[in-house]
């Protein structure tokens, strides 16, 4: 009975630590600026859209590589960080494309 409680406590602690680790890391993508502060011309918007796309690809690779670690807790944390960065860069890319469309820029 004591062994079962010990295993249960260890499992719960591992899940809690992995959840905290996934949320605690800072995104590795470039810092998000507001759409209003992005450069006004179409060329600069194109560059920013490309950067956001690259950050999204890097985050997807981070998610893919997360499972290569031998510790499940670390794998879950890395996967969570990759997911957060991917969502952030996808949102940034969407916002930049909307701004480019409002300014009449050619689609990227």
Protein backbone atom coordinates (compact mmCIF):
# COMPACT_ATOMS: atom_id res chain seq x y z
CA UNK A 1 0.00 0.00 0.00
CA UNK A 2 2.83 2.38 0.88
CA UNK A 3 4.52 1.66 -2.46
CA UNK A 4 1.33 2.54 -4.35
CA UNK A 5 1.07 5.85 -2.51
CA UNK A 6 4.71 6.57 -3.24
CA UNK A 7 4.25 5.87 -6.96
CA UNK A 8 1.09 7.98 -7.03
CA UNK A 9 2.81 10.88 -5.28
CA UNK A 10 5.77 10.70 -7.66
CA UNK A 11 3.47 10.65 -10.68
CA UNK A 12 1.44 13.62 -9.47
CA UNK A 13 4.64 15.54 -8.69
CA UNK A 14 6.04 14.77 -12.15
CA UNK A 15 2.89 15.98 -13.87
CA UNK A 16 2.82 19.15 -11.79
CA UNK A 17 6.48 19.88 -12.49
CA UNK A 18 6.06 19.33 -16.22
CA UNK A 19 3.05 21.63 -16.33
CA UNK A 20 4.95 24.34 -14.49
CA UNK A 21 8.03 23.90 -16.65
CA UNK A 22 5.98 24.18 -19.83
CA UNK A 23 4.51 27.49 -18.69
CA UNK A 24 7.59 28.93 -17.03
CA UNK A 25 9.88 29.18 -20.04
CA UNK A 26 10.09 32.30 -22.14
CA UNK A 27 9.43 31.91 -25.85
CA UNK A 28 12.51 31.67 -28.03
CA UNK A 29 10.86 33.59 -30.85
CA UNK A 30 11.63 37.21 -31.46
CA UNK A 31 9.80 39.45 -29.02
CA UNK A 32 6.33 40.19 -30.23
CA UNK A 33 5.69 43.79 -31.09
CA UNK A 34 2.25 45.17 -31.60
CA UNK A 35 0.98 45.33 -35.12
CA UNK A 36 0.75 49.10 -34.81
CA UNK A 37 4.46 49.34 -34.06
CA UNK A 38 5.47 47.23 -37.07
CA UNK A 39 7.15 49.05 -39.92
CA UNK A 40 4.69 50.80 -42.19
CA UNK A 41 6.09 49.86 -45.55
CA UNK A 42 5.32 46.62 -47.37
CA UNK A 43 8.93 45.43 -47.59
CA UNK A 44 9.36 45.59 -43.83
CA UNK A 45 6.07 43.79 -43.34
CA UNK A 46 7.24 41.06 -45.72
CA UNK A 47 10.41 40.63 -43.68
CA UNK A 48 8.43 40.43 -40.44
CA UNK A 49 6.03 37.87 -41.94
CA UNK A 50 9.00 35.77 -43.03
CA UNK A 51 10.52 35.98 -39.53
CA UNK A 52 7.25 34.90 -37.95
CA UNK A 53 7.09 31.98 -40.38
CA UNK A 54 10.63 30.95 -39.48
CA UNK A 55 9.81 31.16 -35.76
CA UNK A 56 6.80 28.94 -36.40
CA UNK A 57 8.93 26.36 -38.24
CA UNK A 58 11.53 26.41 -35.44
CA UNK A 59 8.79 25.87 -32.85
CA UNK A 60 7.41 22.93 -34.81
CA UNK A 61 10.91 21.44 -34.91
CA UNK A 62 11.23 21.98 -31.16
CA UNK A 63 7.98 20.10 -30.63
CA UNK A 64 9.18 17.29 -32.87
CA UNK A 65 12.54 17.06 -31.11
CA UNK A 66 11.02 17.22 -27.61
CA UNK A 67 10.50 13.47 -27.50
CA UNK A 68 14.21 12.76 -28.06
CA UNK A 69 15.02 13.40 -24.41
CA UNK A 70 15.16 10.41 -22.05
CA UNK A 71 13.16 12.16 -19.30
CA UNK A 72 9.40 12.29 -19.90
CA UNK A 73 8.97 15.39 -17.73
CA UNK A 74 11.50 17.32 -19.82
CA UNK A 75 9.91 16.05 -23.03
CA UNK A 76 6.48 17.31 -22.00
CA UNK A 77 7.93 20.67 -20.95
CA UNK A 78 9.78 21.13 -24.24
CA UNK A 79 6.73 20.12 -26.22
CA UNK A 80 4.62 22.63 -24.30
CA UNK A 81 7.13 25.40 -24.91
CA UNK A 82 7.23 24.59 -28.61
CA UNK A 83 3.45 24.65 -28.78
CA UNK A 84 3.27 28.05 -27.09
CA UNK A 85 5.87 29.55 -29.41
CA UNK A 86 4.14 28.08 -32.47
CA UNK A 87 0.80 29.58 -31.46
CA UNK A 88 2.40 32.96 -30.76
CA UNK A 89 4.23 33.09 -34.09
CA UNK A 90 1.11 31.94 -35.97
CA UNK A 91 -0.91 34.75 -34.38
CA UNK A 92 1.84 37.26 -35.20
CA UNK A 93 1.94 36.12 -38.81
CA UNK A 94 -1.86 36.45 -39.06
CA UNK A 95 -1.77 39.98 -37.60
CA UNK A 96 1.01 41.05 -39.96
CA UNK A 97 -0.83 39.67 -42.98
CA UNK A 98 -3.95 41.57 -41.95
CA UNK A 99 -1.94 44.77 -41.64
CA UNK A 100 -0.34 44.18 -45.04
CA UNK A 101 -3.78 43.68 -46.57
CA UNK A 102 -5.06 46.92 -44.98
CA UNK A 103 -2.10 48.79 -46.45
CA UNK A 104 -2.65 47.28 -49.88
CA UNK A 105 0.57 45.26 -49.94
CA UNK A 106 0.89 42.22 -52.21
CA UNK A 107 0.15 38.91 -50.44
CA UNK A 108 3.20 37.23 -48.93
